[in-house]
Amino acid sequence: MVKLKNILNEVKKKSEYDFETQQVNKDPETGAVTWNVKYDLSLEDIYKDLDGIIRKMKISIRKNPNDPRVRDIWTDAKNLRNRLQRIITDPRWKQAN
């Protein structure tokens, strides 16, 4: 039988998760545990997510070609993805990280 404690220990070890946890307090009376969670954002992961959204929106545009709102949002998302790509490929950003 798999225990939750073992699963959580494995999650902490894996680098594919974009967060770290630290236990900061445990209430002895109630047993409540307080945690600090630090999120580590990966620009490459955000780029992949945006790319997936853009592909899905393009399908929606094909199904509803007369809705200019969806096309406008799609254009904005493409612009954001392109700006993010320029940041990722900028050598100055790689040096900072």
PDB file of N, CA and C in Angstrom:
ATOM      1  N   MET A   1       0.834  -1.185   0.000  1.00  0.00           N
ATOM      2  CA  MET A   1       0.000   0.000   0.000  1.00  0.00           C
ATOM      3  C   MET A   1       0.878   1.247   0.000  1.00  0.00           C
ATOM      4  N   VAL A   2       0.572   2.161  -0.863  1.00  0.00           N
ATOM      5  CA  VAL A   2       1.342   3.391  -0.995  1.00  0.00           C
ATOM      6  C   VAL A   2       0.863   4.391   0.060  1.00  0.00           C
ATOM      7  N   LYS A   3       1.809   4.985   0.751  1.00  0.00           N
ATOM      8  CA  LYS A   3       1.466   5.965   1.770  1.00  0.00           C
ATOM      9  C   LYS A   3       1.640   7.373   1.214  1.00  0.00           C
ATOM     10  N   LEU A   4       0.775   8.266   1.648  1.00  0.00           N
ATOM     11  CA  LEU A   4       0.827   9.659   1.208  1.00  0.00           C
ATOM     12  C   LEU A   4       2.179  10.280   1.546  1.00  0.00           C
ATOM     13  N   LYS A   5       2.739   9.927   2.676  1.00  0.00           N
ATOM     14  CA  LYS A   5       4.036  10.463   3.091  1.00  0.00           C
ATOM     15  C   LYS A   5       5.111  10.120   2.064  1.00  0.00           C
ATOM     16  N   ASN A   6       5.103   8.897   1.552  1.00  0.00           N
ATOM     17  CA  ASN A   6       6.090   8.478   0.562  1.00  0.00           C
ATOM     18  C   ASN A   6       5.897   9.226  -0.754  1.00  0.00           C
ATOM     19  N   ILE A   7       4.646   9.430  -1.135  1.00  0.00           N
ATOM     20  CA  ILE A   7       4.362  10.171  -2.370  1.00  0.00           C
ATOM     21  C   ILE A   7       4.866  11.601  -2.247  1.00  0.00           C
ATOM     22  N   LEU A   8       4.600  12.250  -1.115  1.00  0.00           N
ATOM     23  CA  LEU A   8       5.053  13.625  -0.919  1.00  0.00           C
ATOM     24  C   LEU A   8       6.571  13.727  -0.921  1.00  0.00           C
ATOM     25  N   ASN A   9       7.246  12.753  -0.348  1.00  0.00           N
ATOM     26  CA  ASN A   9       8.703  12.759  -0.376  1.00  0.00           C
ATOM     27  C   ASN A   9       9.225  12.655  -1.802  1.00  0.00           C
ATOM     28  N   GLU A  10       8.572  11.859  -2.633  1.00  0.00           N
ATOM     29  CA  GLU A  10       8.979  11.742  -4.037  1.00  0.00           C
ATOM     30  C   GLU A  10       8.727  13.045  -4.791  1.00  0.00           C
ATOM     31  N   VAL A  11       7.612  13.697  -4.507  1.00  0.00           N
ATOM     32  CA  VAL A  11       7.304  14.963  -5.167  1.00  0.00           C
ATOM     33  C   VAL A  11       8.379  15.992  -4.840  1.00  0.00           C
ATOM     34  N   LYS A  12       8.833  16.024  -3.606  1.00  0.00           N
ATOM     35  CA  LYS A  12       9.863  16.977  -3.207  1.00  0.00           C
ATOM     36  C   LYS A  12      11.171  16.724  -3.947  1.00  0.00           C
ATOM     37  N   LYS A  13      11.465  15.489  -4.280  1.00  0.00           N
ATOM     38  CA  LYS A  13      12.722  15.127  -4.928  1.00  0.00           C
ATOM     39  C   LYS A  13      12.725  15.452  -6.412  1.00  0.00           C
ATOM     40  N   LYS A  14      11.582  15.396  -7.056  1.00  0.00           N
ATOM     41  CA  LYS A  14      11.520  15.557  -8.506  1.00  0.00           C
ATOM     42  C   LYS A  14      11.679  17.020  -8.893  1.00  0.00           C
ATOM     43  N   SER A  15      12.505  17.251  -9.912  1.00  0.00           N
ATOM     44  CA  SER A  15      12.736  18.618 -10.358  1.00  0.00           C
ATOM     45  C   SER A  15      11.696  19.078 -11.377  1.00  0.00           C
ATOM     46  N   GLU A  16      10.834  18.164 -11.844  1.00  0.00           N
ATOM     47  CA  GLU A  16       9.842  18.543 -12.846  1.00  0.00           C
ATOM     48  C   GLU A  16       8.730  19.409 -12.260  1.00  0.00           C
ATOM     49  N   TYR A  17       8.623  19.443 -10.947  1.00  0.00           N
ATOM     50  CA  TYR A  17       7.625  20.286 -10.309  1.00  0.00           C
ATOM     51  C   TYR A  17       8.222  21.663 -10.087  1.00  0.00           C
ATOM     52  N   ASP A  18       7.444  22.694 -10.349  1.00  0.00           N
ATOM     53  CA  ASP A  18       7.940  24.055 -10.296  1.00  0.00           C
ATOM     54  C   ASP A  18       7.655  24.722  -8.957  1.00  0.00           C
ATOM     55  N   PHE A  19       7.850  23.988  -7.867  1.00  0.00           N
ATOM     56  CA  PHE A  19       7.670  24.596  -6.561  1.00  0.00           C
ATOM     57  C   PHE A  19       8.496  23.854  -5.519  1.00  0.00           C
ATOM     58  N   GLU A  20       8.781  24.578  -4.449  1.00  0.00           N
ATOM     59  CA  GLU A  20       9.462  23.990  -3.300  1.00  0.00           C
ATOM     60  C   GLU A  20       8.608  24.278  -2.069  1.00  0.00           C
ATOM     61  N   THR A  21       8.591  23.338  -1.147  1.00  0.00           N
ATOM     62  CA  THR A  21       7.811  23.546   0.068  1.00  0.00           C
ATOM     63  C   THR A  21       8.724  23.521   1.291  1.00  0.00           C
ATOM     64  N   GLN A  22       8.307  24.250   2.315  1.00  0.00           N
ATOM     65  CA  GLN A  22       9.038  24.269   3.570  1.00  0.00           C
ATOM     66  C   GLN A  22       8.019  24.371   4.702  1.00  0.00           C
ATOM     67  N   GLN A  23       8.095  23.437   5.612  1.00  0.00           N
ATOM     68  CA  GLN A  23       7.196  23.465   6.759  1.00  0.00           C
ATOM     69  C   GLN A  23       7.686  24.538   7.718  1.00  0.00           C
ATOM     70  N   VAL A  24       6.787  25.467   8.096  1.00  0.00           N
ATOM     71  CA  VAL A  24       7.193  26.568   8.966  1.00  0.00           C
ATOM     72  C   VAL A  24       6.612  26.481  10.366  1.00  0.00           C
ATOM     73  N   ASN A  25       5.499  25.785  10.525  1.00  0.00           N
ATOM     74  CA  ASN A  25       4.886  25.744  11.847  1.00  0.00           C
ATOM     75  C   ASN A  25       3.981  24.522  11.950  1.00  0.00           C
ATOM     76  N   LYS A  26       3.918  23.975  13.150  1.00  0.00           N
ATOM     77  CA  LYS A  26       2.983  22.888  13.422  1.00  0.00           C
ATOM     78  C   LYS A  26       2.338  23.168  14.770  1.00  0.00           C
ATOM     79  N   ASP A  27       1.026  23.262  14.757  1.00  0.00           N
ATOM     80  CA  ASP A  27       0.270  23.533  15.976  1.00  0.00           C
ATOM     81  C   ASP A  27       0.187  22.239  16.782  1.00  0.00           C
ATOM     82  N   PRO A  28       0.784  22.195  17.971  1.00  0.00           N
ATOM     83  CA  PRO A  28       0.771  20.954  18.760  1.00  0.00           C
ATOM     84  C   PRO A  28      -0.624  20.567  19.250  1.00  0.00           C
ATOM     85  N   GLU A  29      -1.479  21.558  19.398  1.00  0.00           N
ATOM     86  CA  GLU A  29      -2.811  21.267  19.917  1.00  0.00           C
ATOM     87  C   GLU A  29      -3.716  20.648  18.850  1.00  0.00           C
ATOM     88  N   THR A  30      -3.706  21.246  17.654  1.00  0.00           N
ATOM     89  CA  THR A  30      -4.611  20.766  16.608  1.00  0.00           C
ATOM     90  C   THR A  30      -3.925  19.874  15.576  1.00  0.00           C
ATOM     91  N   GLY A  31      -2.589  19.953  15.514  1.00  0.00           N
ATOM     92  CA  GLY A  31      -1.869  19.179  14.510  1.00  0.00           C
ATOM     93  C   GLY A  31      -1.843  19.856  13.151  1.00  0.00           C
ATOM     94  N   ALA A  32      -2.352  21.080  13.067  1.00  0.00           N
ATOM     95  CA  ALA A  32      -2.360  21.813  11.802  1.00  0.00           C
ATOM     96  C   ALA A  32      -0.931  22.191  11.419  1.00  0.00           C
ATOM     97  N   VAL A  33      -0.619  22.049  10.162  1.00  0.00           N
ATOM     98  CA  VAL A  33       0.716  22.346   9.661  1.00  0.00           C
ATOM     99  C   VAL A  33       0.638  23.542   8.720  1.00  0.00           C
ATOM    100  N   THR A  34       1.581  24.479   8.877  1.00  0.00           N
ATOM    101  CA  THR A  34       1.667  25.644   8.005  1.00  0.00           C
ATOM    102  C   THR A  34       2.887  25.482   7.115  1.00  0.00           C
ATOM    103  N   TRP A  35       2.685  25.761   5.821  1.00  0.00           N
ATOM    104  CA  TRP A  35       3.752  25.584   4.838  1.00  0.00           C
ATOM    105  C   TRP A  35       4.003  26.879   4.094  1.00  0.00           C
ATOM    106  N   ASN A  36       5.239  27.095   3.688  1.00  0.00           N
ATOM    107  CA  ASN A  36       5.594  28.123   2.720  1.00  0.00           C
ATOM    108  C   ASN A  36       5.832  27.402   1.395  1.00  0.00           C
ATOM    109  N   VAL A  37       5.229  27.913   0.343  1.00  0.00           N
ATOM    110  CA  VAL A  37       5.407  27.335  -0.985  1.00  0.00           C
ATOM    111  C   VAL A  37       6.047  28.390  -1.871  1.00  0.00           C
ATOM    112  N   LYS A  38       7.184  28.028  -2.466  1.00  0.00           N
ATOM    113  CA  LYS A  38       7.890  28.939  -3.368  1.00  0.00           C
ATOM    114  C   LYS A  38       7.759  28.377  -4.773  1.00  0.00           C
ATOM    115  N   TYR A  39       7.138  29.154  -5.655  1.00  0.00           N
ATOM    116  CA  TYR A  39       6.946  28.731  -7.032  1.00  0.00           C
ATOM    117  C   TYR A  39       8.110  29.219  -7.887  1.00  0.00           C
ATOM    118  N   ASP A  40       8.624  28.338  -8.719  1.00  0.00           N
ATOM    119  CA  ASP A  40       9.697  28.665  -9.637  1.00  0.00           C
ATOM    120  C   ASP A  40       9.129  28.602 -11.046  1.00  0.00           C
ATOM    121  N   LEU A  41       8.888  29.767 -11.631  1.00  0.00           N
ATOM    122  CA  LEU A  41       8.276  29.820 -12.949  1.00  0.00           C
ATOM    123  C   LEU A  41       9.321  29.575 -14.024  1.00  0.00           C
ATOM    124  N   SER A  42       8.976  28.739 -14.960  1.00  0.00           N
ATOM    125  CA  SER A  42       9.837  28.461 -16.098  1.00  0.00           C
ATOM    126  C   SER A  42       9.223  29.131 -17.322  1.00  0.00           C
ATOM    127  N   LEU A  43       9.962  30.039 -17.939  1.00  0.00           N
ATOM    128  CA  LEU A  43       9.438  30.736 -19.104  1.00  0.00           C
ATOM    129  C   LEU A  43       9.189  29.772 -20.258  1.00  0.00           C
ATOM    130  N   GLU A  44       9.999  28.730 -20.343  1.00  0.00           N
ATOM    131  CA  GLU A  44       9.802  27.743 -21.401  1.00  0.00           C
ATOM    132  C   GLU A  44       8.469  27.019 -21.231  1.00  0.00           C
ATOM    133  N   ASP A  45       8.116  26.714 -19.992  1.00  0.00           N
ATOM    134  CA  ASP A  45       6.829  26.051 -19.734  1.00  0.00           C
ATOM    135  C   ASP A  45       5.661  26.984 -20.069  1.00  0.00           C
ATOM    136  N   ILE A  46       5.797  28.258 -19.737  1.00  0.00           N
ATOM    137  CA  ILE A  46       4.751  29.228 -20.057  1.00  0.00           C
ATOM    138  C   ILE A  46       4.605  29.345 -21.570  1.00  0.00           C
ATOM    139  N   TYR A  47       5.745  29.331 -22.284  1.00  0.00           N
ATOM    140  CA  TYR A  47       5.712  29.392 -23.745  1.00  0.00           C
ATOM    141  C   TYR A  47       4.947  28.196 -24.316  1.00  0.00           C
ATOM    142  N   LYS A  48       5.242  27.000 -23.793  1.00  0.00           N
ATOM    143  CA  LYS A  48       4.547  25.788 -24.273  1.00  0.00           C
ATOM    144  C   LYS A  48       3.047  25.871 -23.999  1.00  0.00           C
ATOM    145  N   ASP A  49       2.684  26.378 -22.823  1.00  0.00           N
ATOM    146  CA  ASP A  49       1.263  26.524 -22.498  1.00  0.00           C
ATOM    147  C   ASP A  49       0.577  27.500 -23.458  1.00  0.00           C
ATOM    148  N   LEU A  50       1.229  28.626 -23.712  1.00  0.00           N
ATOM    149  CA  LEU A  50       0.663  29.600 -24.653  1.00  0.00           C
ATOM    150  C   LEU A  50       0.524  29.010 -26.048  1.00  0.00           C
ATOM    151  N   ASP A  51       1.515  28.239 -26.463  1.00  0.00           N
ATOM    152  CA  ASP A  51       1.467  27.618 -27.782  1.00  0.00           C
ATOM    153  C   ASP A  51       0.272  26.665 -27.891  1.00  0.00           C
ATOM    154  N   GLY A  52       0.015  25.901 -26.833  1.00  0.00           N
ATOM    155  CA  GLY A  52      -1.147  25.004 -26.822  1.00  0.00           C
ATOM    156  C   GLY A  52      -2.461  25.760 -26.882  1.00  0.00           C
ATOM    157  N   ILE A  53      -2.523  26.864 -26.153  1.00  0.00           N
ATOM    158  CA  ILE A  53      -3.737  27.687 -26.163  1.00  0.00           C
ATOM    159  C   ILE A  53      -3.974  28.260 -27.557  1.00  0.00           C
ATOM    160  N   ILE A  54      -2.907  28.703 -28.195  1.00  0.00           N
ATOM    161  CA  ILE A  54      -3.031  29.282 -29.540  1.00  0.00           C
ATOM    162  C   ILE A  54      -3.540  28.240 -30.522  1.00  0.00           C
ATOM    163  N   ARG A  55      -3.034  27.016 -30.425  1.00  0.00           N
ATOM    164  CA  ARG A  55      -3.512  25.945 -31.322  1.00  0.00           C
ATOM    165  C   ARG A  55      -5.001  25.673 -31.110  1.00  0.00           C
ATOM    166  N   LYS A  56      -5.432  25.627 -29.862  1.00  0.00           N
ATOM    167  CA  LYS A  56      -6.851  25.383 -29.568  1.00  0.00           C
ATOM    168  C   LYS A  56      -7.722  26.532 -30.064  1.00  0.00           C
ATOM    169  N   MET A  57      -7.229  27.746 -29.915  1.00  0.00           N
ATOM    170  CA  MET A  57      -8.005  28.896 -30.373  1.00  0.00           C
ATOM    171  C   MET A  57      -8.125  28.907 -31.893  1.00  0.00           C
ATOM    172  N   LYS A  58      -7.092  28.445 -32.580  1.00  0.00           N
ATOM    173  CA  LYS A  58      -7.144  28.401 -34.040  1.00  0.00           C
ATOM    174  C   LYS A  58      -8.242  27.440 -34.502  1.00  0.00           C
ATOM    175  N   ILE A  59      -8.407  26.332 -33.799  1.00  0.00           N
ATOM    176  CA  ILE A  59      -9.494  25.391 -34.098  1.00  0.00           C
ATOM    177  C   ILE A  59     -10.838  26.065 -33.866  1.00  0.00           C
ATOM    178  N   SER A  60     -10.943  26.821 -32.790  1.00  0.00           N
ATOM    179  CA  SER A  60     -12.182  27.540 -32.488  1.00  0.00           C
ATOM    180  C   SER A  60     -12.498  28.576 -33.566  1.00  0.00           C
ATOM    181  N   ILE A  61     -11.455  29.224 -34.072  1.00  0.00           N
ATOM    182  CA  ILE A  61     -11.663  30.216 -35.139  1.00  0.00           C
ATOM    183  C   ILE A  61     -12.178  29.535 -36.400  1.00  0.00           C
ATOM    184  N   ARG A  62     -11.659  28.354 -36.701  1.00  0.00           N
ATOM    185  CA  ARG A  62     -12.144  27.625 -37.882  1.00  0.00           C
ATOM    186  C   ARG A  62     -13.620  27.262 -37.736  1.00  0.00           C
ATOM    187  N   LYS A  63     -14.025  26.914 -36.509  1.00  0.00           N
ATOM    188  CA  LYS A  63     -15.414  26.531 -36.280  1.00  0.00           C
ATOM    189  C   LYS A  63     -16.337  27.744 -36.223  1.00  0.00           C
ATOM    190  N   ASN A  64     -15.814  28.891 -35.780  1.00  0.00           N
ATOM    191  CA  ASN A  64     -16.606  30.123 -35.649  1.00  0.00           C
ATOM    192  C   ASN A  64     -15.886  31.275 -36.353  1.00  0.00           C
ATOM    193  N   PRO A  65     -15.826  31.257 -37.666  1.00  0.00           N
ATOM    194  CA  PRO A  65     -15.046  32.283 -38.376  1.00  0.00           C
ATOM    195  C   PRO A  65     -15.631  33.688 -38.301  1.00  0.00           C
ATOM    196  N   ASN A  66     -16.869  33.818 -37.900  1.00  0.00           N
ATOM    197  CA  ASN A  66     -17.517  35.136 -37.877  1.00  0.00           C
ATOM    198  C   ASN A  66     -17.421  35.830 -36.525  1.00  0.00           C
ATOM    199  N   ASP A  67     -16.660  35.271 -35.571  1.00  0.00           N
ATOM    200  CA  ASP A  67     -16.539  35.874 -34.246  1.00  0.00           C
ATOM    201  C   ASP A  67     -15.203  36.623 -34.148  1.00  0.00           C
ATOM    202  N   PRO A  68     -15.231  37.935 -34.295  1.00  0.00           N
ATOM    203  CA  PRO A  68     -13.968  38.692 -34.285  1.00  0.00           C
ATOM    204  C   PRO A  68     -13.307  38.733 -32.909  1.00  0.00           C
ATOM    205  N   ARG A  69     -14.082  38.527 -31.852  1.00  0.00           N
ATOM    206  CA  ARG A  69     -13.508  38.563 -30.496  1.00  0.00           C
ATOM    207  C   ARG A  69     -12.473  37.457 -30.311  1.00  0.00           C
ATOM    208  N   VAL A  70     -12.814  36.251 -30.781  1.00  0.00           N
ATOM    209  CA  VAL A  70     -11.891  35.124 -30.640  1.00  0.00           C
ATOM    210  C   VAL A  70     -10.630  35.382 -31.461  1.00  0.00           C
ATOM    211  N   ARG A  71     -10.810  35.929 -32.658  1.00  0.00           N
ATOM    212  CA  ARG A  71      -9.643  36.224 -33.513  1.00  0.00           C
ATOM    213  C   ARG A  71      -8.754  37.285 -32.860  1.00  0.00           C
ATOM    214  N   ASP A  72      -9.346  38.281 -32.221  1.00  0.00           N
ATOM    215  CA  ASP A  72      -8.555  39.316 -31.543  1.00  0.00           C
ATOM    216  C   ASP A  72      -7.762  38.737 -30.378  1.00  0.00           C
ATOM    217  N   ILE A  73      -8.394  37.889 -29.584  1.00  0.00           N
ATOM    218  CA  ILE A  73      -7.699  37.258 -28.461  1.00  0.00           C
ATOM    219  C   ILE A  73      -6.586  36.361 -28.979  1.00  0.00           C
ATOM    220  N   TRP A  74      -6.855  35.634 -30.072  1.00  0.00           N
ATOM    221  CA  TRP A  74      -5.851  34.769 -30.685  1.00  0.00           C
ATOM    222  C   TRP A  74      -4.645  35.589 -31.138  1.00  0.00           C
ATOM    223  N   THR A  75      -4.887  36.737 -31.747  1.00  0.00           N
ATOM    224  CA  THR A  75      -3.798  37.607 -32.193  1.00  0.00           C
ATOM    225  C   THR A  75      -2.980  38.113 -31.006  1.00  0.00           C
ATOM    226  N   ASP A  76      -3.663  38.509 -29.935  1.00  0.00           N
ATOM    227  CA  ASP A  76      -2.962  38.968 -28.733  1.00  0.00           C
ATOM    228  C   ASP A  76      -2.115  37.844 -28.125  1.00  0.00           C
ATOM    229  N   ALA A  77      -2.663  36.644 -28.093  1.00  0.00           N
ATOM    230  CA  ALA A  77      -1.932  35.507 -27.539  1.00  0.00           C
ATOM    231  C   ALA A  77      -0.695  35.199 -28.385  1.00  0.00           C
ATOM    232  N   LYS A  78      -0.839  35.280 -29.706  1.00  0.00           N
ATOM    233  CA  LYS A  78       0.317  35.045 -30.581  1.00  0.00           C
ATOM    234  C   LYS A  78       1.395  36.096 -30.341  1.00  0.00           C
ATOM    235  N   ASN A  79       0.985  37.358 -30.188  1.00  0.00           N
ATOM    236  CA  ASN A  79       1.953  38.422 -29.921  1.00  0.00           C
ATOM    237  C   ASN A  79       2.669  38.191 -28.596  1.00  0.00           C
ATOM    238  N   LEU A  80       1.931  37.790 -27.580  1.00  0.00           N
ATOM    239  CA  LEU A  80       2.525  37.501 -26.276  1.00  0.00           C
ATOM    240  C   LEU A  80       3.510  36.341 -26.375  1.00  0.00           C
ATOM    241  N   ARG A  81       3.122  35.287 -27.088  1.00  0.00           N
ATOM    242  CA  ARG A  81       4.023  34.143 -27.270  1.00  0.00           C
ATOM    243  C   ARG A  81       5.304  34.570 -27.980  1.00  0.00           C
ATOM    244  N   ASN A  82       5.178  35.402 -29.005  1.00  0.00           N
ATOM    245  CA  ASN A  82       6.362  35.856 -29.739  1.00  0.00           C
ATOM    246  C   ASN A  82       7.272  36.722 -28.869  1.00  0.00           C
ATOM    247  N   ARG A  83       6.673  37.581 -28.055  1.00  0.00           N
ATOM    248  CA  ARG A  83       7.477  38.400 -27.136  1.00  0.00           C
ATOM    249  C   ARG A  83       8.201  37.528 -26.128  1.00  0.00           C
ATOM    250  N   LEU A  84       7.526  36.518 -25.632  1.00  0.00           N
ATOM    251  CA  LEU A  84       8.129  35.601 -24.679  1.00  0.00           C
ATOM    252  C   LEU A  84       9.281  34.832 -25.334  1.00  0.00           C
ATOM    253  N   GLN A  85       9.109  34.440 -26.575  1.00  0.00           N
ATOM    254  CA  GLN A  85      10.172  33.731 -27.298  1.00  0.00           C
ATOM    255  C   GLN A  85      11.412  34.615 -27.434  1.00  0.00           C
ATOM    256  N   ARG A  86      11.211  35.906 -27.696  1.00  0.00           N
ATOM    257  CA  ARG A  86      12.357  36.810 -27.800  1.00  0.00           C
ATOM    258  C   ARG A  86      13.088  36.936 -26.461  1.00  0.00           C
ATOM    259  N   ILE A  87      12.343  36.932 -25.360  1.00  0.00           N
ATOM    260  CA  ILE A  87      12.979  36.992 -24.039  1.00  0.00           C
ATOM    261  C   ILE A  87      13.773  35.715 -23.783  1.00  0.00           C
ATOM    262  N   ILE A  88      13.181  34.575 -24.108  1.00  0.00           N
ATOM    263  CA  ILE A  88      13.837  33.290 -23.847  1.00  0.00           C
ATOM    264  C   ILE A  88      15.128  33.166 -24.652  1.00  0.00           C
ATOM    265  N   THR A  89      15.121  33.611 -25.890  1.00  0.00           N
ATOM    266  CA  THR A  89      16.300  33.455 -26.734  1.00  0.00           C
ATOM    267  C   THR A  89      17.314  34.579 -26.564  1.00  0.00           C
ATOM    268  N   ASP A  90      16.985  35.598 -25.788  1.00  0.00           N
ATOM    269  CA  ASP A  90      17.906  36.709 -25.539  1.00  0.00           C
ATOM    270  C   ASP A  90      19.061  36.214 -24.667  1.00  0.00           C
ATOM    271  N   PRO A  91      20.306  36.359 -25.120  1.00  0.00           N
ATOM    272  CA  PRO A  91      21.442  35.864 -24.330  1.00  0.00           C
ATOM    273  C   PRO A  91      21.570  36.558 -22.975  1.00  0.00           C
ATOM    274  N   ARG A  92      21.092  37.797 -22.862  1.00  0.00           N
ATOM    275  CA  ARG A  92      21.165  38.490 -21.567  1.00  0.00           C
ATOM    276  C   ARG A  92      20.283  37.804 -20.529  1.00  0.00           C
ATOM    277  N   TRP A  93      19.116  37.276 -20.961  1.00  0.00           N
ATOM    278  CA  TRP A  93      18.242  36.579 -20.008  1.00  0.00           C
ATOM    279  C   TRP A  93      18.885  35.286 -19.531  1.00  0.00           C
ATOM    280  N   LYS A  94      19.553  34.568 -20.430  1.00  0.00           N
ATOM    281  CA  LYS A  94      20.198  33.309 -20.053  1.00  0.00           C
ATOM    282  C   LYS A  94      21.324  33.561 -19.062  1.00  0.00           C
ATOM    283  N   GLN A  95      22.035  34.676 -19.191  1.00  0.00           N
ATOM    284  CA  GLN A  95      23.110  34.983 -18.265  1.00  0.00           C
ATOM    285  C   GLN A  95      22.566  35.324 -16.886  1.00  0.00           C
ATOM    286  N   ALA A  96      21.402  35.960 -16.824  1.00  0.00           N
ATOM    287  CA  ALA A  96      20.809  36.336 -15.543  1.00  0.00           C
ATOM    288  C   ALA A  96      20.319  35.116 -14.786  1.00  0.00           C
ATOM    289  N   ASN A  97      19.986  34.051 -15.507  1.00  0.00           N
ATOM    290  CA  ASN A  97      19.479  32.844 -14.845  1.00  0.00           C
ATOM    291  C   ASN A  97      20.538  31.845 -14.771  1.00  0.00           C
TER     292      ASN A  97
END
